[in-house]
Amino acid sequence: MNKIMIIGDCHGRFNDLNTLISKKKPDTILQCGDFGYFPKEFNKSYIDTMGRIKTWKADIKNHNTKIYWADGNHEDHESLKARTTDELWPNVFYQPRGSVRMLPDGRNVLFMGGAYSIDSAYRTAGYDWFPEDEKINQRDINDLPDVKVDIVISHTVPIEFVIKDSRKELRLIPDSSRQALSYILKKYRPKQWYFGHFHHYQKGLYNDCYWTALGDIGGDNKCYEVI
């Protein structure tokens, strides 16, 4: 039986990701954005808050686990556009917006990354913030496939899903990506929807769609579901 795990934001915490894989031993991981893809910074040293010198290593020890990840707002979108392959590490695959992957049981998963960065005032455009690319745009919507979709993996959430007890600033600041996801909700009518971005685990039901908000890996909230 293929064990499928869905996880929330990683933010480059690949050691935590490695630990989760080692403990739970999933065959497949579907990841909901903010994976932490900043290849220009990989293997560079930095000084942490305690004054210690550390190195941010892109060391994903996934072994035979296949990882399929959507982009969040916190990725190097410039490097993603310049990639020559979707397999960015062995068995680690970027899933472009609108891409569909069929699970072993025949269910189709639609990936739609993207969201607005509320922390843009603390980021540098072209370095760790890419305002032209981070949000879902009309081109992404125009390129949506005409297939049956059972599960959606996104970073943020349709406006119809009511997020409670979470980051107020994320819920209140307008994000056109949420409107785009509302269109996807109406177009495909999926049975399940998983997303991150809010760093707060909770579940809900909208019409016939069961949705799950996942916490961030290494955080205080549950960051994964097994389906």
Protein backbone atom coordinates (compact mmCIF):
# COMPACT_ATOMS: atom_id res chain seq x y z
CA MET A 1 0.00 0.00 0.00
CA ASN A 2 1.32 3.44 -0.95
CA LYS A 3 1.55 5.67 2.16
CA ILE A 4 0.80 9.27 1.15
CA MET A 5 1.57 12.16 3.49
CA ILE A 6 0.57 15.78 2.98
CA ILE A 7 2.66 18.38 4.82
CA GLY A 8 2.49 22.12 5.40
CA ASP A 9 5.12 24.85 5.08
CA CYS A 10 8.77 23.75 5.28
CA HIS A 11 10.58 27.11 4.98
CA GLY A 12 13.82 25.28 4.25
CA ARG A 13 13.78 23.32 7.52
CA PHE A 14 15.07 20.28 5.72
CA ASN A 15 16.47 18.64 8.88
CA ASP A 16 12.94 18.60 10.30
CA LEU A 17 11.68 17.23 7.00
CA ASN A 18 14.32 14.50 7.08
CA THR A 19 13.31 13.58 10.65
CA LEU A 20 9.64 13.36 9.69
CA ILE A 21 10.43 11.12 6.73
CA SER A 22 12.64 8.89 8.89
CA LYS A 23 9.92 8.48 11.54
CA LYS A 24 6.82 8.13 9.36
CA LYS A 25 8.38 6.51 6.27
CA PRO A 26 5.90 7.76 3.67
CA ASP A 27 6.16 6.56 0.09
CA THR A 28 4.91 9.91 -1.24
CA ILE A 29 4.78 13.45 0.15
CA LEU A 30 2.58 16.23 -1.24
CA GLN A 31 3.73 19.59 0.09
CA CYS A 32 1.62 22.77 0.33
CA GLY A 33 4.07 25.56 -0.53
CA ASP A 34 6.79 27.64 1.15
CA PHE A 35 9.05 24.67 0.59
CA GLY A 36 12.01 27.00 0.99
CA TYR A 37 13.55 26.92 -2.47
CA PHE A 38 16.31 29.54 -2.45
CA PRO A 39 19.12 27.84 -4.40
CA LYS A 40 21.33 30.93 -4.47
CA GLU A 41 21.59 30.71 -0.69
CA PHE A 42 22.06 26.96 -0.33
CA ASN A 43 25.29 25.95 1.42
CA LYS A 44 26.07 29.53 2.46
CA SER A 45 27.13 30.28 6.02
CA TYR A 46 25.34 32.74 8.29
CA ILE A 47 25.36 33.86 11.93
CA ASP A 48 22.31 32.80 13.92
CA THR A 49 20.65 34.74 16.74
CA MET A 50 23.06 33.23 19.27
CA GLY A 51 26.09 34.41 17.32
CA ARG A 52 26.93 30.92 16.07
CA ILE A 53 28.10 30.29 12.51
CA LYS A 54 25.82 27.88 10.70
CA THR A 55 25.37 26.72 7.15
CA TRP A 56 22.02 26.48 5.42
CA LYS A 57 22.30 23.13 3.68
CA ALA A 58 19.91 21.89 1.04
CA ASP A 59 20.35 18.36 2.37
CA ILE A 60 17.12 16.45 1.77
CA LYS A 61 17.45 12.85 2.89
CA ASN A 62 14.28 11.48 1.38
CA HIS A 63 15.76 8.17 0.17
CA ASN A 64 12.93 6.42 -1.71
CA THR A 65 10.23 8.89 -0.64
CA LYS A 66 9.01 10.95 -3.58
CA ILE A 67 8.25 14.58 -2.75
CA TYR A 68 5.97 16.75 -4.90
CA TRP A 69 5.80 20.37 -3.78
CA ALA A 70 3.87 23.49 -4.75
CA ASP A 71 5.39 26.95 -4.57
CA GLY A 72 4.46 29.36 -1.81
CA ASN A 73 5.12 33.08 -1.59
CA HIS A 74 8.46 32.36 0.10
CA GLU A 75 10.42 30.80 -2.77
CA ASP A 76 12.97 32.09 -5.27
CA HIS A 77 10.48 32.41 -8.12
CA GLU A 78 13.17 33.76 -10.42
CA SER A 79 15.13 30.53 -10.09
CA LEU A 80 11.97 28.46 -10.47
CA LYS A 81 11.26 30.14 -13.81
CA ALA A 82 14.85 29.46 -14.94
CA ARG A 83 14.83 25.76 -14.02
CA THR A 84 15.46 23.18 -16.75
CA THR A 85 13.73 20.30 -14.95
CA ASP A 86 11.03 19.79 -12.33
CA GLU A 87 13.19 17.26 -10.45
CA LEU A 88 15.26 19.74 -8.44
CA TRP A 89 16.75 17.09 -6.13
CA PRO A 90 16.65 13.30 -6.56
CA ASN A 91 13.00 12.25 -6.11
CA VAL A 92 12.01 15.84 -5.23
CA PHE A 93 9.75 17.40 -7.84
CA TYR A 94 8.44 20.94 -8.17
CA GLN A 95 4.80 20.94 -9.25
CA PRO A 96 4.05 24.03 -11.37
CA ARG A 97 0.76 25.82 -10.91
CA GLY A 98 -2.05 23.93 -12.57
CA SER A 99 -0.12 20.66 -12.81
CA VAL A 100 -1.98 17.43 -12.06
CA ARG A 101 -0.60 14.19 -10.64
CA MET A 102 -2.53 10.95 -10.38
CA LEU A 103 -2.21 8.96 -7.15
CA PRO A 104 -1.85 5.17 -7.26
CA ASP A 105 -5.54 4.79 -6.37
CA GLY A 106 -6.56 6.86 -9.40
CA ARG A 107 -7.36 10.15 -7.66
CA ASN A 108 -6.15 13.30 -9.42
CA VAL A 109 -4.31 15.97 -7.42
CA LEU A 110 -4.18 19.56 -8.71
CA PHE A 111 -1.31 21.75 -7.47
CA MET A 112 -1.80 25.51 -7.31
CA GLY A 113 0.87 27.37 -5.38
CA GLY A 114 1.20 31.10 -4.82
CA ALA A 115 0.12 33.70 -2.25
CA TYR A 116 0.71 37.28 -1.15
CA SER A 117 3.62 38.05 1.22
CA ILE A 118 2.42 40.08 4.19
CA ASP A 119 6.04 40.46 5.32
CA SER A 120 7.21 42.14 2.09
CA ALA A 121 8.31 45.24 4.04
CA TYR A 122 11.07 43.10 5.58
CA ARG A 123 12.18 41.49 2.32
CA THR A 124 14.19 42.58 -0.71
CA ALA A 125 12.63 42.47 -4.15
CA GLY A 126 14.54 40.16 -6.47
CA TYR A 127 16.37 38.50 -3.59
CA ASP A 128 13.86 36.94 -1.20
CA TRP A 129 10.66 38.54 -2.50
CA PHE A 130 9.26 38.30 -6.01
CA PRO A 131 6.12 40.47 -6.19
CA GLU A 132 5.53 39.84 -9.90
CA ASP A 133 5.44 36.07 -9.49
CA GLU A 134 4.33 35.18 -5.98
CA LYS A 135 0.56 35.52 -6.44
CA ILE A 136 -1.66 33.41 -8.70
CA ASN A 137 -2.17 35.31 -11.94
CA GLN A 138 -4.56 35.21 -14.88
CA ARG A 139 -2.14 33.13 -16.94
CA ASP A 140 -2.20 30.45 -14.25
CA ILE A 141 -5.98 30.39 -14.45
CA ASN A 142 -6.03 30.32 -18.25
CA ASP A 143 -3.71 27.31 -18.25
CA LEU A 144 -5.85 25.17 -15.95
CA PRO A 145 -6.46 21.69 -17.39
CA ASP A 146 -9.88 20.28 -18.18
CA VAL A 147 -9.67 17.13 -16.07
CA LYS A 148 -11.47 15.70 -13.06
CA VAL A 149 -9.82 16.87 -9.85
CA ASP A 150 -10.31 15.03 -6.55
CA ILE A 151 -7.78 16.81 -4.32
CA VAL A 152 -6.30 20.32 -4.43
CA ILE A 153 -2.91 21.19 -2.91
CA SER A 154 -2.52 24.96 -2.56
CA HIS A 155 -0.58 27.40 -0.42
CA THR A 156 -3.31 29.82 0.58
CA VAL A 157 -7.06 29.22 0.61
CA PRO A 158 -10.31 30.08 -1.23
CA ILE A 159 -12.28 32.91 0.31
CA GLU A 160 -15.14 30.47 1.05
CA PHE A 161 -13.09 28.58 3.65
CA VAL A 162 -13.40 30.26 7.05
CA ILE A 163 -10.09 30.16 8.92
CA LYS A 164 -10.48 30.60 12.68
CA ASP A 165 -8.02 31.22 15.51
CA SER A 166 -5.23 31.89 13.08
CA ARG A 167 -3.01 34.73 11.93
CA LYS A 168 -5.41 37.69 11.77
CA GLU A 169 -3.24 39.64 9.33
CA LEU A 170 -3.36 36.79 6.82
CA ARG A 171 -7.13 36.54 7.04
CA LEU A 172 -7.82 40.26 6.67
CA ILE A 173 -5.32 41.48 4.06
CA PRO A 174 -6.76 41.12 0.54
CA ASP A 175 -5.01 38.52 -1.61
CA SER A 176 -6.17 38.03 -5.18
CA SER A 177 -4.75 34.49 -5.01
CA ARG A 178 -7.67 33.58 -2.75
CA GLN A 179 -10.16 34.75 -5.36
CA ALA A 180 -8.35 32.66 -7.97
CA LEU A 181 -8.63 29.62 -5.71
CA SER A 182 -12.34 30.31 -5.31
CA TYR A 183 -12.62 29.99 -9.09
CA ILE A 184 -10.78 26.66 -8.89
CA LEU A 185 -13.14 25.51 -6.14
CA LYS A 186 -16.15 26.24 -8.34
CA LYS A 187 -14.58 24.80 -11.50
CA TYR A 188 -13.48 21.44 -10.12
CA ARG A 189 -15.60 20.88 -6.98
CA PRO A 190 -12.89 18.72 -5.34
CA LYS A 191 -13.70 16.45 -2.43
CA GLN A 192 -10.55 17.35 -0.46
CA TRP A 193 -8.36 20.44 -0.19
CA TYR A 194 -5.10 20.89 1.73
CA PHE A 195 -3.15 24.11 2.29
CA GLY A 196 -0.53 25.74 4.54
CA HIS A 197 0.35 29.46 4.81
CA PHE A 198 -1.58 30.07 8.06
CA HIS A 199 0.67 27.84 10.22
CA HIS A 200 -2.37 26.64 12.16
CA TYR A 201 -3.87 23.16 11.98
CA GLN A 202 -7.61 23.01 11.56
CA LYS A 203 -10.30 21.33 9.50
CA GLY A 204 -13.54 22.40 7.90
CA LEU A 205 -16.23 21.55 5.39
CA TYR A 206 -17.54 23.78 2.63
CA ASN A 207 -20.39 22.24 0.67
CA ASP A 208 -18.97 18.79 -0.17
CA CYS A 209 -15.28 19.76 0.11
CA TYR A 210 -13.39 18.73 3.24
CA TRP A 211 -10.49 21.10 3.80
CA THR A 212 -7.44 20.89 6.06
CA ALA A 213 -5.09 23.70 7.08
CA LEU A 214 -1.67 22.33 8.05
CA GLY A 215 0.85 23.80 10.46
CA ASP A 216 4.44 24.51 9.49
CA ILE A 217 7.06 21.82 9.95
CA GLY A 218 8.97 22.32 13.18
CA GLY A 219 6.17 24.50 14.55
CA ASP A 220 3.65 24.02 17.37
CA ASN A 221 0.76 22.80 15.21
CA LYS A 222 0.28 19.49 13.43
CA CYS A 223 2.02 19.79 10.09
CA TYR A 224 0.94 16.63 8.29
CA GLU A 225 -1.93 14.35 7.36
CA VAL A 226 -1.76 10.80 6.02
CA ILE A 227 -4.34 9.96 3.36
